[in-house]
């Protein structure tokens, strides 16, 4: 499965929990949104994460 910024943006915009997690990551680690999105992808989607199925359905 490949990281796609546009798909990740859609996934986050459709999920309030991910929106909160993204903001939290940006604040805690002082990340720009694009880097926080990629980090969120690796922690919550890739390798069987909680939102992997929802991400795949966006393809």
N, C-alpha and C. Protein backbone atom coordinates (compact mmCIF):
# COMPACT_ATOMS: atom_id res chain seq x y z
N UNK A 1 0.85 -1.17 0.00
CA UNK A 1 0.00 0.00 0.00
C UNK A 1 0.90 1.24 0.00
N UNK A 2 0.54 2.20 -0.82
CA UNK A 2 1.35 3.39 -1.01
C UNK A 2 0.70 4.61 -0.37
N UNK A 3 1.53 5.46 0.22
CA UNK A 3 1.04 6.72 0.80
C UNK A 3 0.67 7.68 -0.32
N UNK A 4 -0.54 8.21 -0.25
CA UNK A 4 -0.98 9.24 -1.19
C UNK A 4 -1.57 10.38 -0.37
N UNK A 5 -0.96 11.54 -0.50
CA UNK A 5 -1.37 12.70 0.30
C UNK A 5 -2.84 13.02 0.12
N UNK A 6 -3.34 12.97 -1.11
CA UNK A 6 -4.74 13.32 -1.38
C UNK A 6 -5.70 12.36 -0.68
N UNK A 7 -5.37 11.07 -0.68
CA UNK A 7 -6.21 10.08 0.00
C UNK A 7 -6.17 10.28 1.51
N UNK A 8 -5.00 10.60 2.00
CA UNK A 8 -4.87 10.79 3.44
C UNK A 8 -5.66 12.02 3.88
N UNK A 9 -5.65 13.07 3.08
CA UNK A 9 -6.43 14.27 3.39
C UNK A 9 -7.93 13.94 3.44
N UNK A 10 -8.39 13.14 2.48
CA UNK A 10 -9.80 12.73 2.46
C UNK A 10 -10.15 11.92 3.70
N UNK A 11 -9.29 10.99 4.04
CA UNK A 11 -9.53 10.14 5.20
C UNK A 11 -9.64 10.98 6.47
N UNK A 12 -8.74 11.93 6.63
CA UNK A 12 -8.74 12.78 7.82
C UNK A 12 -9.96 13.69 7.83
N UNK A 13 -10.31 14.24 6.68
CA UNK A 13 -11.46 15.15 6.65
C UNK A 13 -12.78 14.43 6.94
N UNK A 14 -12.82 13.12 6.71
CA UNK A 14 -14.02 12.34 6.97
C UNK A 14 -14.07 11.73 8.37
N UNK A 15 -13.05 11.99 9.18
CA UNK A 15 -12.97 11.34 10.48
C UNK A 15 -12.52 12.33 11.56
N UNK A 16 -13.42 12.61 12.49
CA UNK A 16 -13.15 13.59 13.54
C UNK A 16 -12.00 13.15 14.45
N UNK A 17 -11.91 11.86 14.74
CA UNK A 17 -10.83 11.35 15.59
C UNK A 17 -9.46 11.58 14.95
N UNK A 18 -9.38 11.35 13.63
CA UNK A 18 -8.11 11.57 12.94
C UNK A 18 -7.78 13.06 12.86
N UNK A 19 -8.78 13.90 12.75
CA UNK A 19 -8.54 15.35 12.74
C UNK A 19 -7.90 15.79 14.06
N UNK A 20 -8.42 15.29 15.15
CA UNK A 20 -7.86 15.62 16.47
C UNK A 20 -6.44 15.08 16.60
N UNK A 21 -6.23 13.85 16.14
CA UNK A 21 -4.91 13.22 16.22
C UNK A 21 -3.89 14.00 15.38
N UNK A 22 -4.31 14.47 14.21
CA UNK A 22 -3.43 15.25 13.34
C UNK A 22 -3.00 16.54 14.03
N UNK A 23 -3.95 17.26 14.59
CA UNK A 23 -3.64 18.51 15.29
C UNK A 23 -2.71 18.24 16.47
N UNK A 24 -2.98 17.16 17.18
CA UNK A 24 -2.15 16.78 18.33
C UNK A 24 -0.71 16.52 17.89
N UNK A 25 -0.55 15.78 16.81
CA UNK A 25 0.80 15.47 16.31
C UNK A 25 1.53 16.73 15.87
N UNK A 26 0.80 17.62 15.21
CA UNK A 26 1.41 18.87 14.75
C UNK A 26 1.91 19.69 15.93
N UNK A 27 1.12 19.76 16.99
CA UNK A 27 1.50 20.55 18.16
C UNK A 27 2.61 19.88 18.97
N UNK A 28 2.46 18.59 19.23
CA UNK A 28 3.43 17.87 20.06
C UNK A 28 4.82 17.82 19.44
N UNK A 29 4.86 17.61 18.14
CA UNK A 29 6.15 17.40 17.47
C UNK A 29 6.57 18.58 16.60
N UNK A 30 5.80 19.67 16.66
CA UNK A 30 6.08 20.88 15.88
C UNK A 30 6.29 20.55 14.40
N UNK A 31 5.29 19.85 13.83
CA UNK A 31 5.36 19.42 12.44
C UNK A 31 4.46 20.27 11.55
N UNK A 32 4.88 20.44 10.31
CA UNK A 32 4.01 21.02 9.30
C UNK A 32 2.94 19.99 8.97
N UNK A 33 1.83 20.45 8.42
CA UNK A 33 0.70 19.55 8.16
C UNK A 33 1.09 18.38 7.25
N UNK A 34 1.85 18.64 6.21
CA UNK A 34 2.20 17.56 5.27
C UNK A 34 3.02 16.47 5.95
N UNK A 35 3.92 16.85 6.84
CA UNK A 35 4.72 15.85 7.56
C UNK A 35 3.87 15.12 8.60
N UNK A 36 2.98 15.84 9.24
CA UNK A 36 2.10 15.22 10.23
C UNK A 36 1.15 14.23 9.56
N UNK A 37 0.67 14.55 8.36
CA UNK A 37 -0.19 13.62 7.62
C UNK A 37 0.54 12.32 7.33
N UNK A 38 1.79 12.44 6.91
CA UNK A 38 2.57 11.23 6.59
C UNK A 38 2.84 10.42 7.86
N UNK A 39 3.14 11.08 8.96
CA UNK A 39 3.36 10.38 10.22
C UNK A 39 2.08 9.69 10.68
N UNK A 40 0.96 10.37 10.50
CA UNK A 40 -0.33 9.79 10.85
C UNK A 40 -0.62 8.56 10.00
N UNK A 41 -0.29 8.64 8.73
CA UNK A 41 -0.46 7.50 7.83
C UNK A 41 0.31 6.28 8.37
N UNK A 42 1.56 6.50 8.72
CA UNK A 42 2.39 5.38 9.18
C UNK A 42 1.93 4.84 10.53
N UNK A 43 1.38 5.70 11.38
CA UNK A 43 0.97 5.22 12.70
C UNK A 43 -0.44 4.64 12.72
N UNK A 44 -1.33 5.11 11.86
CA UNK A 44 -2.74 4.70 11.93
C UNK A 44 -3.25 3.89 10.73
N UNK A 45 -2.49 3.90 9.61
CA UNK A 45 -2.98 3.24 8.39
C UNK A 45 -2.07 2.10 7.95
N UNK A 46 -0.81 2.39 7.75
CA UNK A 46 0.13 1.40 7.21
C UNK A 46 0.28 0.20 8.15
N UNK A 47 0.65 -0.91 7.56
CA UNK A 47 0.94 -2.14 8.31
C UNK A 47 -0.21 -2.58 9.21
N UNK A 48 -1.41 -2.55 8.67
CA UNK A 48 -2.55 -3.07 9.40
C UNK A 48 -3.11 -2.16 10.47
N UNK A 49 -2.89 -0.86 10.34
CA UNK A 49 -3.39 0.08 11.33
C UNK A 49 -4.91 0.15 11.37
N UNK A 50 -5.39 0.85 12.34
CA UNK A 50 -6.83 0.95 12.62
C UNK A 50 -7.65 1.45 11.42
N UNK A 51 -7.07 2.31 10.60
CA UNK A 51 -7.81 2.93 9.51
C UNK A 51 -7.39 2.41 8.13
N UNK A 52 -6.70 1.29 8.09
CA UNK A 52 -6.20 0.77 6.81
C UNK A 52 -7.34 0.47 5.83
N UNK A 53 -8.38 -0.17 6.29
CA UNK A 53 -9.48 -0.52 5.40
C UNK A 53 -10.16 0.72 4.84
N UNK A 54 -10.40 1.71 5.68
CA UNK A 54 -11.02 2.96 5.22
C UNK A 54 -10.14 3.67 4.19
N UNK A 55 -8.85 3.63 4.39
CA UNK A 55 -7.91 4.24 3.45
C UNK A 55 -7.96 3.51 2.10
N UNK A 56 -7.96 2.19 2.15
CA UNK A 56 -7.99 1.40 0.91
C UNK A 56 -9.28 1.63 0.14
N UNK A 57 -10.37 1.85 0.84
CA UNK A 57 -11.65 2.08 0.17
C UNK A 57 -11.68 3.40 -0.59
N UNK A 58 -10.79 4.32 -0.28
CA UNK A 58 -10.71 5.60 -0.98
C UNK A 58 -10.02 5.48 -2.32
N UNK A 59 -9.32 4.38 -2.56
CA UNK A 59 -8.58 4.19 -3.83
C UNK A 59 -9.51 4.09 -5.00
